[in-house]
Amino acid sequence: MIEAMSQVTVLAVGGTGESHPDDHRRHVSGLLSEVTGALDERFASRWVGYPASYGPVAAGGLSYRQSTEVGVERLIDAIEDAPGPVMLIGYSQGCTVIREVLGQIATGALRADNVSAVGLVSDPEQPAGAVPGCSGRGVAGVGAPIPDSVPVQWIAHPDDMICNASEDSYVRDIADLTRSMSFRTLRTWLAHTWVLLRHNSFQNAGKTRVSPRQWRTDLRRLRTAVNEVLGYLPPRLAWRGVRVVNARGGRHIAYASEPLDASGLTGCQVLAQWLQVRATFDAPLRVAA
């Protein structure tokens, strides 16, 4: 029997600020459009809209946690609507959405046999050692489990703190405190913050003590945190007419514009190549003609 390649649906979930609560577009937008734009005719790409908010930082005002929950629901609907094999790609907060869906697959709460590959650009829950050159891990801590049946490709820059924060980074404490931040649901945020403080369940809880030796360590941690934040901020900063060049900046948004490694390819191009290789050689993507 002759085999033919079934068209692969690529579902793209963008980062904070790249979507909004009433986003019903189907064409891929934002940074991930540089991935889908490099794919060949075997792929059909679709955007998965969701709030993509981080409290007051983006439109909608939902907390990061609430925004992610909505994204999970919409991504599951999109997976179920896809006519054939599916690949998932995410950027930043979109990676968290995908990781939650993968966690449901891994635990058996969700049946999604058509998901064949996943690409994650700047995953806030990136595991340690997932990317050569990244000595840290995602700033949001350990994410949901990943099913063994689904191959995952992480795309990360060593100076991007979102996916490669140092193990004892102060930025982790900020991430813990702001995950439920929302002025629309202020009482919920305060309640979660109180539980976090009362149980001292910060990622860095075991790395912080009151002692002179700890103070010396904290000076090093503070310098590291400053460098990590500078890497996240834009390359050029302006405030009240004063303009400053931030040579370290822009690492979190450079995946579509700057070479990621010695190959000269951007992170988005590297991911597009990987998806095409998976589509070529993975047997589950072939269907009987």
Protein backbone atom coordinates (compact mmCIF):
# COMPACT_ATOMS: atom_id res chain seq x y z
CA MET A 1 0.00 0.00 0.00
CA ILE A 2 1.34 3.45 -0.92
CA GLU A 3 1.68 5.83 1.99
CA ALA A 4 1.06 9.57 1.78
CA MET A 5 1.95 12.35 4.17
CA SER A 6 -1.06 13.79 5.98
CA GLN A 7 -0.97 17.57 6.34
CA VAL A 8 0.25 18.57 9.77
CA THR A 9 -1.63 21.22 11.74
CA VAL A 10 0.73 23.49 13.67
CA LEU A 11 -1.01 25.20 16.59
CA ALA A 12 0.83 28.33 17.73
CA VAL A 13 0.39 29.87 21.20
CA GLY A 14 1.98 33.28 21.59
CA GLY A 15 3.59 35.08 24.51
CA THR A 16 2.41 37.77 26.91
CA GLY A 17 0.88 40.70 25.03
CA GLU A 18 0.75 38.91 21.68
CA SER A 19 -2.92 37.95 22.03
CA HIS A 20 -5.99 39.16 23.93
CA PRO A 21 -9.18 37.75 25.48
CA ASP A 22 -11.33 38.13 22.34
CA ASP A 23 -8.65 37.04 19.88
CA HIS A 24 -10.31 34.76 17.33
CA ARG A 25 -7.72 35.12 14.57
CA ARG A 26 -6.56 32.00 12.78
CA HIS A 27 -3.41 33.35 11.09
CA VAL A 28 -0.26 33.11 13.21
CA SER A 29 0.95 36.39 14.67
CA GLY A 30 3.89 37.65 16.69
CA LEU A 31 7.26 35.97 17.03
CA LEU A 32 5.99 32.49 16.12
CA SER A 33 4.98 33.70 12.65
CA GLU A 34 8.71 33.52 11.87
CA VAL A 35 8.51 29.78 12.59
CA THR A 36 5.37 28.99 10.64
CA GLY A 37 6.43 31.24 7.76
CA ALA A 38 9.48 29.03 7.21
CA LEU A 39 7.50 25.78 6.99
CA ASP A 40 6.70 24.04 3.68
CA GLU A 41 3.38 23.04 2.13
CA ARG A 42 3.03 19.96 4.34
CA PHE A 43 2.00 22.23 7.22
CA ALA A 44 -1.16 24.21 7.93
CA SER A 45 -0.63 26.72 10.73
CA ARG A 46 -3.26 28.09 13.07
CA TRP A 47 -3.13 30.69 15.83
CA VAL A 48 -4.62 29.89 19.24
CA GLY A 49 -5.84 33.11 20.81
CA TYR A 50 -6.12 33.56 24.59
CA PRO A 51 -5.76 36.48 27.09
CA ALA A 52 -1.93 36.33 27.13
CA SER A 53 -1.94 38.70 30.10
CA TYR A 54 0.18 39.08 33.23
CA GLY A 55 -2.01 41.07 35.59
CA PRO A 56 -1.93 44.74 34.59
CA VAL A 57 0.94 44.18 32.14
CA ALA A 58 -1.25 43.26 29.14
CA ALA A 59 -4.80 43.76 27.90
CA GLY A 60 -7.50 42.04 29.92
CA GLY A 61 -5.90 42.32 33.34
CA LEU A 62 -6.17 38.61 34.15
CA SER A 63 -3.41 37.09 36.23
CA TYR A 64 -0.79 34.89 34.59
CA ARG A 65 -2.43 31.87 36.20
CA GLN A 66 -5.93 32.76 34.95
CA SER A 67 -4.63 33.66 31.50
CA THR A 68 -2.90 30.29 31.24
CA GLU A 69 -6.05 28.43 32.29
CA VAL A 70 -8.02 30.05 29.48
CA GLY A 71 -5.22 29.25 27.04
CA VAL A 72 -5.29 25.59 28.07
CA GLU A 73 -9.03 25.33 27.35
CA ARG A 74 -8.67 26.93 23.92
CA LEU A 75 -5.66 24.84 22.97
CA ILE A 76 -7.44 21.61 23.89
CA ASP A 77 -10.39 22.68 21.72
CA ALA A 78 -8.03 23.39 18.83
CA ILE A 79 -6.32 20.00 19.21
CA GLU A 80 -9.67 18.23 19.15
CA ASP A 81 -10.76 20.18 16.05
CA ALA A 82 -7.60 19.37 14.07
CA PRO A 83 -8.27 16.88 11.23
CA GLY A 84 -4.97 14.99 11.50
CA PRO A 85 -1.57 15.07 13.19
CA VAL A 86 -0.79 18.11 15.32
CA MET A 87 2.39 19.88 16.34
CA LEU A 88 2.37 22.52 19.07
CA ILE A 89 4.64 25.55 19.24
CA GLY A 90 4.71 28.14 22.00
CA TYR A 91 6.58 31.28 22.97
CA SER A 92 7.10 32.42 26.57
CA GLN A 93 3.68 32.32 28.33
CA GLY A 94 2.43 30.20 25.42
CA CYS A 95 4.94 27.54 26.49
CA THR A 96 3.27 27.40 29.91
CA VAL A 97 -0.08 26.81 28.22
CA ILE A 98 1.38 23.94 26.19
CA ARG A 99 3.19 22.48 29.21
CA GLU A 100 -0.12 22.33 31.11
CA VAL A 101 -1.75 20.47 28.22
CA LEU A 102 1.20 18.07 28.01
CA GLY A 103 0.84 17.49 31.75
CA GLN A 104 -2.78 16.44 31.26
CA ILE A 105 -1.70 14.04 28.51
CA ALA A 106 1.08 12.62 30.70
CA THR A 107 -1.27 11.97 33.62
CA GLY A 108 -4.03 10.49 31.46
CA ALA A 109 -6.47 13.33 32.13
CA LEU A 110 -6.47 14.17 28.40
CA ARG A 111 -6.42 11.83 25.42
CA ALA A 112 -4.62 13.51 22.50
CA ASP A 113 -2.93 10.85 20.39
CA ASN A 114 -2.64 13.24 17.43
CA VAL A 115 -0.03 15.44 19.16
CA SER A 116 3.24 14.37 17.54
CA ALA A 117 5.82 17.04 18.41
CA VAL A 118 6.25 20.22 20.47
CA GLY A 119 8.53 23.22 20.07
CA LEU A 120 9.01 25.66 22.96
CA VAL A 121 10.71 29.05 22.54
CA SER A 122 11.85 30.60 25.85
CA ASP A 123 9.94 28.24 28.12
CA PRO A 124 9.50 29.76 31.62
CA GLU A 125 9.50 26.17 32.94
CA GLN A 126 12.45 24.92 30.90
CA PRO A 127 14.18 22.00 32.67
CA ALA A 128 17.83 22.21 33.65
CA GLY A 129 20.09 20.79 30.96
CA ALA A 130 17.46 20.92 28.22
CA VAL A 131 19.52 23.29 26.05
CA PRO A 132 23.33 23.25 25.65
CA GLY A 133 24.87 26.41 27.07
CA CYS A 134 22.00 27.06 29.48
CA SER A 135 23.25 26.39 33.00
CA GLY A 136 20.03 27.49 34.73
CA ARG A 137 16.38 26.70 34.11
CA GLY A 138 13.04 28.42 33.61
CA VAL A 139 12.24 31.29 35.96
CA ALA A 140 8.81 29.87 36.86
CA GLY A 141 10.26 26.65 38.27
CA VAL A 142 9.38 23.04 37.57
CA GLY A 143 6.54 22.64 35.10
CA ALA A 144 4.00 19.92 34.45
CA PRO A 145 5.29 16.48 33.39
CA ILE A 146 5.88 15.71 29.72
CA PRO A 147 4.64 12.45 28.15
CA ASP A 148 7.43 10.19 26.90
CA SER A 149 5.60 9.74 23.61
CA VAL A 150 5.90 13.41 22.57
CA PRO A 151 9.32 14.74 21.47
CA VAL A 152 10.05 18.30 22.62
CA GLN A 153 12.53 20.81 21.21
CA TRP A 154 13.49 23.74 23.46
CA ILE A 155 14.83 26.95 21.90
CA ALA A 156 16.65 29.16 24.41
CA HIS A 157 19.35 31.82 24.74
CA PRO A 158 21.72 31.59 27.72
CA ASP A 159 21.15 35.29 28.54
CA ASP A 160 17.36 35.05 28.49
CA MET A 161 16.33 34.84 32.15
CA ILE A 162 12.79 33.68 31.30
CA CYS A 163 14.10 30.28 30.25
CA ASN A 164 17.57 30.33 31.86
CA ALA A 165 17.44 32.07 35.24
CA SER A 166 20.19 31.11 37.66
CA GLU A 167 19.26 28.44 40.19
CA ASP A 168 18.98 30.88 43.14
CA SER A 169 17.89 33.94 41.15
CA TYR A 170 15.97 36.63 43.01
CA VAL A 171 13.81 36.92 39.89
CA ARG A 172 12.31 33.55 40.84
CA ASP A 173 10.84 35.14 43.97
CA ILE A 174 9.25 37.86 41.83
CA ALA A 175 7.77 35.21 39.55
CA ASP A 176 6.34 33.37 42.56
CA LEU A 177 4.78 36.54 44.00
CA THR A 178 3.24 37.76 40.73
CA ARG A 179 1.88 34.52 39.23
CA SER A 180 -1.60 35.31 40.60
CA MET A 181 -1.23 39.10 40.36
CA SER A 182 -4.36 40.83 39.10
CA PHE A 183 -6.09 44.02 40.18
CA ARG A 184 -9.34 42.53 38.86
CA THR A 185 -9.13 39.73 41.42
CA LEU A 186 -7.13 41.49 44.11
CA ARG A 187 -8.51 39.36 46.94
CA THR A 188 -7.40 36.14 45.21
CA TRP A 189 -3.93 37.52 44.62
CA LEU A 190 -3.56 38.59 48.26
CA ALA A 191 -4.79 35.19 49.46
CA HIS A 192 -2.27 33.33 47.29
CA THR A 193 0.48 35.70 48.41
CA TRP A 194 -0.38 35.07 52.08
CA VAL A 195 -0.21 31.29 51.58
CA LEU A 196 3.14 31.68 49.82
CA LEU A 197 4.56 33.77 52.66
CA ARG A 198 3.05 31.71 55.47
CA HIS A 199 4.40 28.42 54.14
CA ASN A 200 7.60 29.98 52.76
CA SER A 201 7.01 28.05 49.54
CA PHE A 202 9.20 30.27 47.35
CA GLN A 203 11.49 28.50 44.89
CA ASN A 204 14.40 29.99 46.82
CA ALA A 205 13.11 29.12 50.29
CA GLY A 206 15.96 26.69 50.94
CA LYS A 207 18.62 29.06 49.62
CA THR A 208 17.93 32.10 51.84
CA ARG A 209 19.15 32.41 55.43
CA VAL A 210 20.01 35.20 57.88
CA SER A 211 23.77 35.07 58.39
CA PRO A 212 26.92 37.02 57.35
CA ARG A 213 27.90 34.19 55.03
CA GLN A 214 24.48 34.38 53.40
CA TRP A 215 24.85 38.14 53.00
CA ARG A 216 27.99 37.65 50.92
CA THR A 217 26.11 35.15 48.79
CA ASP A 218 23.23 37.60 48.45
CA LEU A 219 25.54 40.26 47.00
CA ARG A 220 26.46 37.84 44.25
CA ARG A 221 22.80 36.95 43.73
CA LEU A 222 21.91 40.64 43.50
CA ARG A 223 24.54 41.27 40.82
CA THR A 224 23.28 38.24 38.90
CA ALA A 225 19.68 39.43 39.15
CA VAL A 226 20.62 42.86 37.79
CA ASN A 227 22.32 41.26 34.78
CA GLU A 228 19.34 38.96 34.22
CA VAL A 229 16.89 41.87 34.28
CA LEU A 230 19.10 43.91 31.92
CA GLY A 231 19.05 40.99 29.48
CA TYR A 232 15.26 40.99 29.55
CA LEU A 233 14.81 44.74 29.10
CA PRO A 234 14.89 46.34 25.60
CA PRO A 235 18.26 47.22 24.00
CA ARG A 236 17.36 50.92 24.23
CA LEU A 237 15.71 52.52 27.25
CA ALA A 238 14.16 55.98 27.46
CA TRP A 239 12.81 57.84 30.48
CA ARG A 240 11.86 61.54 30.57
CA GLY A 241 13.92 62.30 27.52
CA VAL A 242 16.99 60.41 28.74
CA ARG A 243 18.03 57.58 26.39
CA VAL A 244 20.27 54.74 27.48
CA VAL A 245 21.76 51.94 25.40
CA ASN A 246 21.38 48.58 27.12
CA ALA A 247 23.98 46.37 25.47
CA ARG A 248 22.73 43.28 27.29
CA GLY A 249 19.09 43.84 26.37
CA GLY A 250 16.59 42.22 24.07
CA ARG A 251 17.48 38.58 24.70
CA HIS A 252 13.88 37.51 25.19
CA ILE A 253 12.70 38.87 21.83
CA ALA A 254 15.76 38.06 19.69
CA TYR A 255 14.71 34.58 18.58
CA ALA A 256 13.27 35.87 15.30
CA SER A 257 16.02 38.35 14.42
CA GLU A 258 19.45 37.19 15.63
CA PRO A 259 21.54 34.04 15.03
CA LEU A 260 21.08 31.61 17.87
CA ASP A 261 24.22 29.54 17.31
CA ALA A 262 27.16 28.98 14.97
CA SER A 263 24.82 27.87 12.17
CA GLY A 264 23.78 31.48 11.62
CA LEU A 265 20.09 30.54 11.94
CA THR A 266 17.70 32.33 14.25
CA GLY A 267 15.94 30.39 16.97
CA CYS A 268 12.72 30.46 14.93
CA GLN A 269 14.51 29.04 11.89
CA VAL A 270 16.11 26.31 13.98
CA LEU A 271 12.68 25.30 15.29
CA ALA A 272 11.14 25.34 11.80
CA GLN A 273 13.87 23.01 10.52
CA TRP A 274 13.33 20.65 13.45
CA LEU A 275 9.57 20.49 12.82
CA GLN A 276 10.15 19.67 9.16
CA VAL A 277 12.60 16.90 10.05
CA ARG A 278 10.05 15.42 12.45
CA ALA A 279 7.39 15.52 9.74
CA THR A 280 9.71 13.76 7.31
CA PHE A 281 10.93 10.91 9.48
CA ASP A 282 8.29 10.32 12.17
CA ALA A 283 6.16 7.30 11.25
CA PRO A 284 3.03 8.42 13.18
CA LEU A 285 2.62 11.30 10.71
CA ARG A 286 2.05 8.93 7.78
CA VAL A 287 -1.44 7.75 6.85
CA ALA A 288 -2.63 5.20 4.30
CA ALA A 289 -3.45 6.78 0.94
